[in-house]
Amino acid sequence: MKPSDSWKFEIGKKNLKWGKGYAWNPVNFLDRAKDPNDPEQSIEGNIMATLDYIRSFDGPLKTLSFTPVLFPVYDHMNDDFGENNRLNVGGKVYLLLYDTDLDLIYVADGSRTARIGMDFSRNITTSFEIHGELAHIRDDRKQVLDAAGAVHSETRDAVSGLIGVRHLTTFDLTTIFEYYHNGTGFSPDAMENYFGYIERGYELYRTTGNARMLTGAQNLTAGGYGRNNPMEDYLYLRLSQKEPMDILYFTPSLTTMVNLNDRSYSITPELLYTGITNLELRLRFGWIRGGRETEFGEKPNDYRLELRAGYYF
């Protein structure tokens, strides 16, 4: 419903897409996390109700908008988000101030603990943009495995942040570079304990048939160790060249992600062709490197080749 140019009400399944980062969005508190290995991939929305109020001004403040959100979590409705039987409340204030995009974001206690964040984006020149995000999460809880194989719960406030740049050259080369600090992530020691626990569990199962430790490892994986980029500090670089050598509808790119905590990394070259109406063809090659008990070194593959075809209708 849009009763006027300033007011809009929406209810249904949608993505809020809060945050200015490309690979990560620490302030995107109510959407599903996107895959940093493929940030542009479509993500299933959540059921929610939003109200948008927007107003324009003359002066340094060009635009102001306010977006309150009602986010229900009940059986069969967003029930993978967190604690059930809660009506979560949040909101965002957007400002276009001195030609800088600013967002102030808050989500109250509910299915997850309260969190507050802000982000910004500013064009330094017409082809060079800088962006950032900062999020504070109250009473973040996670299960941590120690060197002896015992699991204990940690509860503490966490701060996550991102800073990045985007640059476009005159010959259509786009560069995206970001640094991400994950305040809810695990330390290198905690990840080494996790990988070592899996190895000991597999050896126990192989020699005795006892799967007790492997079952515990599965629970730890589901509890946070198995999420994308579970550690604390990352770098991301993406280079994308549009239509090189005047080859129409063709875009090659190269993406690199580095885990700064354990020095493991991935390199992914990609070829994209969109010259056929409503059809998108993508060829990707993933190359993963890292030592034992590192994030990328413990992936189940060293290389991966994909061919994707997407048809839109």
Protein backbone atom coordinates (compact mmCIF):
# COMPACT_ATOMS: atom_id res chain seq x y z
CA MET A 1 0.00 0.00 0.00
CA LYS A 2 1.27 3.46 -0.94
CA PRO A 3 -1.21 6.10 0.26
CA SER A 4 1.15 8.97 -0.70
CA ASP A 5 4.60 9.65 -2.09
CA SER A 6 5.95 9.81 1.47
CA TRP A 7 4.36 6.67 2.93
CA LYS A 8 4.57 3.01 1.91
CA PHE A 9 3.46 -0.13 3.78
CA GLU A 10 4.56 -3.63 2.79
CA ILE A 11 3.80 -7.04 4.25
CA GLY A 12 5.06 -10.35 2.91
CA LYS A 13 8.32 -12.14 2.19
CA LYS A 14 11.15 -9.75 1.34
CA ASN A 15 14.83 -8.89 1.84
CA LEU A 16 15.72 -5.65 3.62
CA LYS A 17 19.28 -5.55 2.19
CA TRP A 18 20.61 -3.36 5.00
CA GLY A 19 24.27 -2.45 4.78
CA LYS A 20 26.67 -1.04 2.21
CA GLY A 21 29.23 -3.87 2.00
CA TYR A 22 29.54 -6.10 -1.04
CA ALA A 23 30.82 -9.41 0.39
CA TRP A 24 29.59 -8.99 3.99
CA ASN A 25 26.94 -6.95 5.82
CA PRO A 26 27.45 -7.01 9.61
CA VAL A 27 24.52 -4.59 10.11
CA ASN A 28 22.05 -6.68 8.11
CA PHE A 29 20.47 -8.03 11.28
CA LEU A 30 17.17 -9.42 9.91
CA ASP A 31 18.05 -10.99 6.55
CA ARG A 32 19.66 -14.33 5.87
CA ALA A 33 23.44 -13.99 5.51
CA LYS A 34 24.63 -13.88 1.94
CA ASP A 35 27.40 -16.13 0.66
CA PRO A 36 30.60 -14.04 0.34
CA ASN A 37 31.79 -16.49 -2.32
CA ASP A 38 28.81 -15.41 -4.46
CA PRO A 39 27.38 -12.17 -2.98
CA GLU A 40 25.05 -11.46 -5.90
CA GLN A 41 23.23 -14.78 -5.64
CA SER A 42 19.52 -14.46 -4.83
CA ILE A 43 18.59 -15.06 -1.18
CA GLU A 44 15.25 -16.22 0.15
CA GLY A 45 13.41 -13.45 1.99
CA ASN A 46 11.72 -13.50 5.39
CA ILE A 47 8.11 -12.76 6.26
CA MET A 48 7.79 -9.29 7.76
CA ALA A 49 5.89 -6.03 7.77
CA THR A 50 7.60 -2.70 7.03
CA LEU A 51 6.54 0.94 6.96
CA ASP A 52 8.53 3.52 5.00
CA TYR A 53 8.35 7.26 5.52
CA ILE A 54 10.52 9.46 3.30
CA ARG A 55 10.90 13.22 3.07
CA SER A 56 13.15 15.52 1.03
CA PHE A 57 14.69 18.83 2.14
CA ASP A 58 16.71 21.75 0.88
CA GLY A 59 20.08 22.17 2.54
CA PRO A 60 22.83 19.80 3.74
CA LEU A 61 20.23 17.16 4.66
CA LYS A 62 18.73 16.16 1.32
CA THR A 63 16.66 13.12 2.32
CA LEU A 64 15.35 11.55 5.51
CA SER A 65 13.56 8.21 5.75
CA PHE A 66 12.39 6.00 8.59
CA THR A 67 11.66 2.27 8.24
CA PRO A 68 10.19 0.42 11.27
CA VAL A 69 10.01 -3.38 10.93
CA LEU A 70 7.85 -6.07 12.56
CA PHE A 71 9.49 -9.47 12.22
CA PRO A 72 7.48 -12.44 13.58
CA VAL A 73 9.19 -15.70 14.57
CA TYR A 74 6.72 -18.51 15.22
CA ASP A 75 6.23 -22.12 14.17
CA HIS A 76 6.32 -22.29 10.35
CA MET A 77 7.08 -18.53 10.13
CA ASN A 78 10.76 -17.47 10.13
CA ASP A 79 11.33 -20.32 12.60
CA ASP A 80 15.00 -20.72 11.57
CA PHE A 81 15.85 -17.19 12.70
CA GLY A 82 16.13 -17.71 16.44
CA GLU A 83 13.99 -18.22 19.55
CA ASN A 84 10.38 -18.95 18.60
CA ASN A 85 7.17 -17.22 19.67
CA ARG A 86 8.61 -13.72 19.49
CA LEU A 87 7.53 -10.62 17.59
CA ASN A 88 10.80 -8.84 16.82
CA VAL A 89 10.91 -5.08 16.41
CA GLY A 90 13.57 -3.11 14.58
CA GLY A 91 14.06 -0.11 12.38
CA LYS A 92 16.35 1.98 10.23
CA VAL A 93 16.82 5.73 9.82
CA TYR A 94 18.36 6.81 6.51
CA LEU A 95 20.00 10.19 5.93
CA LEU A 96 21.46 11.71 2.79
CA LEU A 97 23.64 14.26 4.57
CA TYR A 98 26.35 16.30 2.84
CA ASP A 99 26.17 13.88 -0.10
CA THR A 100 26.87 10.94 2.21
CA ASP A 101 24.47 8.02 2.63
CA LEU A 102 24.05 7.19 6.33
CA ASP A 103 21.95 4.47 8.00
CA LEU A 104 21.26 4.10 11.73
CA ILE A 105 19.86 0.64 12.58
CA TYR A 106 18.44 -0.91 15.74
CA VAL A 107 16.85 -4.29 16.54
CA ALA A 108 15.42 -4.86 20.03
CA ASP A 109 15.77 -7.96 22.20
CA GLY A 110 13.69 -10.84 20.86
CA SER A 111 14.56 -14.01 19.01
CA ARG A 112 18.14 -12.75 19.13
CA THR A 113 19.80 -10.31 21.50
CA ALA A 114 19.57 -6.56 20.90
CA ARG A 115 21.90 -5.02 18.34
CA ILE A 116 22.64 -1.57 16.97
CA GLY A 117 24.55 -0.53 13.87
CA MET A 118 25.39 2.17 11.39
CA ASP A 119 26.72 2.29 7.86
CA PHE A 120 27.84 4.91 5.36
CA SER A 121 28.68 5.30 1.70
CA ARG A 122 30.22 8.29 -0.03
CA ASN A 123 31.45 8.98 -3.55
CA ILE A 124 34.86 10.66 -3.27
CA THR A 125 34.81 11.11 -7.04
CA THR A 126 32.35 9.95 -9.69
CA SER A 127 34.32 6.71 -10.02
CA PHE A 128 35.64 6.15 -6.49
CA GLU A 129 33.38 5.22 -3.55
CA ILE A 130 34.16 4.39 0.08
CA HIS A 131 31.79 2.52 2.39
CA GLY A 132 31.71 1.04 5.86
CA GLU A 133 29.60 -0.65 8.52
CA LEU A 134 29.79 -0.96 12.30
CA ALA A 135 27.62 -3.27 14.43
CA HIS A 136 27.36 -3.80 18.19
CA ILE A 137 25.70 -7.05 19.35
CA ARG A 138 24.74 -7.31 22.99
CA ASP A 139 25.32 -10.58 24.88
CA ASP A 140 26.45 -12.59 21.88
CA ARG A 141 26.42 -16.28 22.82
CA LYS A 142 28.45 -19.06 21.25
CA GLN A 143 29.64 -22.58 22.08
CA VAL A 144 33.44 -22.82 22.17
CA LEU A 145 35.52 -26.00 22.21
CA ASP A 146 38.72 -26.00 24.30
CA ALA A 147 41.90 -28.04 23.72
CA ALA A 148 40.68 -30.83 26.01
CA GLY A 149 37.51 -31.33 23.94
CA ALA A 150 35.15 -29.71 26.47
CA VAL A 151 32.46 -27.34 25.22
CA HIS A 152 31.65 -24.21 27.17
CA SER A 153 29.37 -21.28 26.48
CA GLU A 154 30.73 -17.75 26.07
CA THR A 155 28.53 -14.67 26.40
CA ARG A 156 29.90 -11.22 25.66
CA ASP A 157 29.18 -8.07 23.72
CA ALA A 158 30.62 -8.22 20.21
CA VAL A 159 31.61 -5.52 17.72
CA SER A 160 31.82 -6.26 14.00
CA GLY A 161 32.87 -3.87 11.27
CA LEU A 162 33.67 -3.47 7.60
CA ILE A 163 35.49 -0.87 5.52
CA GLY A 164 35.76 -0.97 1.76
CA VAL A 165 36.22 0.87 -1.50
CA ARG A 166 34.82 0.52 -5.00
CA HIS A 167 36.55 1.98 -8.05
CA LEU A 168 35.58 2.09 -11.73
CA THR A 169 38.18 2.94 -14.38
CA THR A 170 37.54 4.64 -17.72
CA PHE A 171 37.93 1.25 -19.42
CA ASP A 172 35.21 -0.36 -17.21
CA LEU A 173 37.39 -2.28 -14.76
CA THR A 174 35.57 -2.45 -11.41
CA THR A 175 37.64 -3.04 -8.27
CA ILE A 176 36.02 -3.88 -4.92
CA PHE A 177 38.26 -4.18 -1.86
CA GLU A 178 36.97 -4.82 1.68
CA TYR A 179 38.28 -5.60 5.15
CA TYR A 180 35.86 -7.38 7.50
CA HIS A 181 36.20 -7.90 11.25
CA ASN A 182 33.77 -10.50 12.61
CA GLY A 183 33.38 -9.82 16.32
CA THR A 184 31.23 -12.94 16.72
CA GLY A 185 33.87 -15.16 15.11
CA PHE A 186 36.16 -17.81 16.55
CA SER A 187 39.84 -17.38 17.37
CA PRO A 188 42.52 -19.43 15.54
CA ASP A 189 42.98 -21.57 18.66
CA ALA A 190 39.25 -22.32 18.84
CA MET A 191 39.20 -23.37 15.17
CA GLU A 192 42.28 -25.58 15.60
CA ASN A 193 40.56 -27.26 18.55
CA TYR A 194 37.49 -27.84 16.38
CA PHE A 195 39.41 -29.39 13.48
CA GLY A 196 41.48 -31.51 15.88
CA TYR A 197 38.28 -32.75 17.56
CA ILE A 198 36.91 -33.87 14.18
CA GLU A 199 40.14 -35.77 13.41
CA ARG A 200 40.10 -37.53 16.78
CA GLY A 201 36.42 -38.34 16.34
CA TYR A 202 37.03 -39.86 12.93
CA GLU A 203 39.92 -41.95 14.26
CA LEU A 204 37.73 -43.17 17.14
CA TYR A 205 34.95 -44.10 14.71
CA ARG A 206 37.36 -45.83 12.31
CA THR A 207 38.91 -48.00 15.04
CA THR A 208 35.91 -48.70 17.30
CA GLY A 209 32.77 -47.74 15.37
CA ASN A 210 31.87 -45.24 18.13
CA ALA A 211 30.38 -42.14 16.48
CA ARG A 212 29.93 -40.14 19.71
CA MET A 213 32.61 -37.53 18.92
CA LEU A 214 31.50 -37.17 15.29
CA THR A 215 27.95 -36.48 16.48
CA GLY A 216 29.35 -33.82 18.82
CA ALA A 217 31.32 -32.33 15.93
CA GLN A 218 28.14 -32.14 13.84
CA ASN A 219 26.44 -30.23 16.64
CA LEU A 220 29.37 -27.79 16.84
CA THR A 221 29.27 -27.32 13.07
CA ALA A 222 25.55 -26.47 13.17
CA GLY A 223 26.16 -24.22 16.17
CA GLY A 224 28.43 -21.80 14.31
CA TYR A 225 31.71 -23.44 13.36
CA GLY A 226 30.33 -24.45 9.97
CA ARG A 227 29.03 -21.05 8.84
CA ASN A 228 30.69 -19.04 6.08
CA ASN A 229 33.83 -17.28 7.34
CA PRO A 230 33.58 -18.32 11.00
CA MET A 231 36.81 -16.60 12.11
CA GLU A 232 37.59 -12.96 12.92
CA ASP A 233 39.45 -11.07 10.15
CA TYR A 234 39.17 -11.23 6.36
CA LEU A 235 40.21 -9.40 3.21
CA TYR A 236 38.20 -9.48 -0.02
CA LEU A 237 39.25 -8.32 -3.49
CA ARG A 238 37.22 -8.53 -6.68
CA LEU A 239 38.30 -7.36 -10.15
CA SER A 240 35.68 -7.35 -12.89
CA GLN A 241 36.26 -6.22 -16.48
CA LYS A 242 33.19 -5.41 -18.60
CA GLU A 243 33.34 -6.43 -22.29
CA PRO A 244 37.14 -6.66 -22.75
CA MET A 245 38.40 -6.28 -26.34
CA ASP A 246 34.83 -5.18 -27.25
CA ILE A 247 33.42 -8.69 -26.72
CA LEU A 248 29.77 -7.81 -26.09
CA TYR A 249 27.91 -9.26 -23.08
CA PHE A 250 31.12 -10.86 -21.76
CA THR A 251 32.49 -10.10 -18.27
CA PRO A 252 35.52 -11.91 -16.81
CA SER A 253 36.33 -11.42 -13.13
CA LEU A 254 38.73 -12.56 -10.43
CA THR A 255 37.85 -12.84 -6.72
CA THR A 256 40.27 -13.41 -3.83
CA MET A 257 39.37 -13.95 -0.17
CA VAL A 258 42.03 -14.17 2.54
CA ASN A 259 41.62 -15.29 6.15
CA LEU A 260 44.04 -12.99 7.98
CA ASN A 261 43.99 -15.13 11.15
CA ASP A 262 45.34 -18.37 9.65
CA ARG A 263 46.62 -17.08 6.23
CA SER A 264 44.49 -19.48 4.20
CA TYR A 265 42.80 -18.14 1.06
CA SER A 266 40.71 -18.80 -2.03
CA ILE A 267 41.06 -17.53 -5.61
CA THR A 268 38.08 -17.69 -7.97
CA PRO A 269 38.28 -16.65 -11.64
CA GLU A 270 34.92 -16.40 -13.41
CA LEU A 271 33.57 -15.92 -16.95
CA LEU A 272 30.06 -14.47 -17.41
CA TYR A 273 28.12 -14.31 -20.68
CA THR A 274 24.67 -12.70 -21.04
CA GLY A 275 24.35 -12.40 -24.82
CA ILE A 276 21.27 -14.64 -25.05
CA THR A 277 17.98 -13.06 -23.97
CA ASN A 278 16.97 -14.10 -20.44
CA LEU A 279 19.89 -16.56 -20.22
CA GLU A 280 22.99 -16.16 -18.05
CA LEU A 281 25.99 -18.48 -18.41
CA ARG A 282 28.71 -18.52 -15.74
CA LEU A 283 31.90 -20.58 -15.64
CA ARG A 284 33.80 -20.50 -12.32
CA PHE A 285 36.95 -22.15 -11.08
CA GLY A 286 37.67 -22.21 -7.35
CA TRP A 287 41.23 -22.64 -6.11
CA ILE A 288 41.64 -23.10 -2.34
CA ARG A 289 44.88 -23.04 -0.35
CA GLY A 290 45.78 -23.36 3.33
CA GLY A 291 47.59 -25.57 5.83
CA ARG A 292 46.16 -28.17 8.17
CA GLU A 293 43.63 -26.87 10.69
CA THR A 294 43.01 -23.66 8.71
CA GLU A 295 39.63 -22.54 7.39
CA PHE A 296 40.29 -22.95 3.66
CA GLY A 297 42.84 -25.74 4.12
CA GLU A 298 40.18 -27.93 5.76
CA LYS A 299 37.60 -27.47 2.99
CA PRO A 300 36.49 -30.80 1.43
CA ASN A 301 38.00 -29.85 -1.93
CA ASP A 302 41.17 -28.20 -3.26
CA TYR A 303 39.61 -27.19 -6.58
CA ARG A 304 36.11 -26.72 -7.86
CA LEU A 305 34.83 -26.16 -11.40
CA GLU A 306 31.25 -24.94 -11.94
CA LEU A 307 29.15 -24.17 -14.97
CA ARG A 308 25.88 -22.41 -14.12
CA ALA A 309 23.04 -21.58 -16.48
CA GLY A 310 20.31 -19.25 -15.23
CA TYR A 311 17.12 -18.66 -17.18
CA TYR A 312 14.86 -15.76 -16.23
CA PHE A 313 11.12 -15.68 -16.99
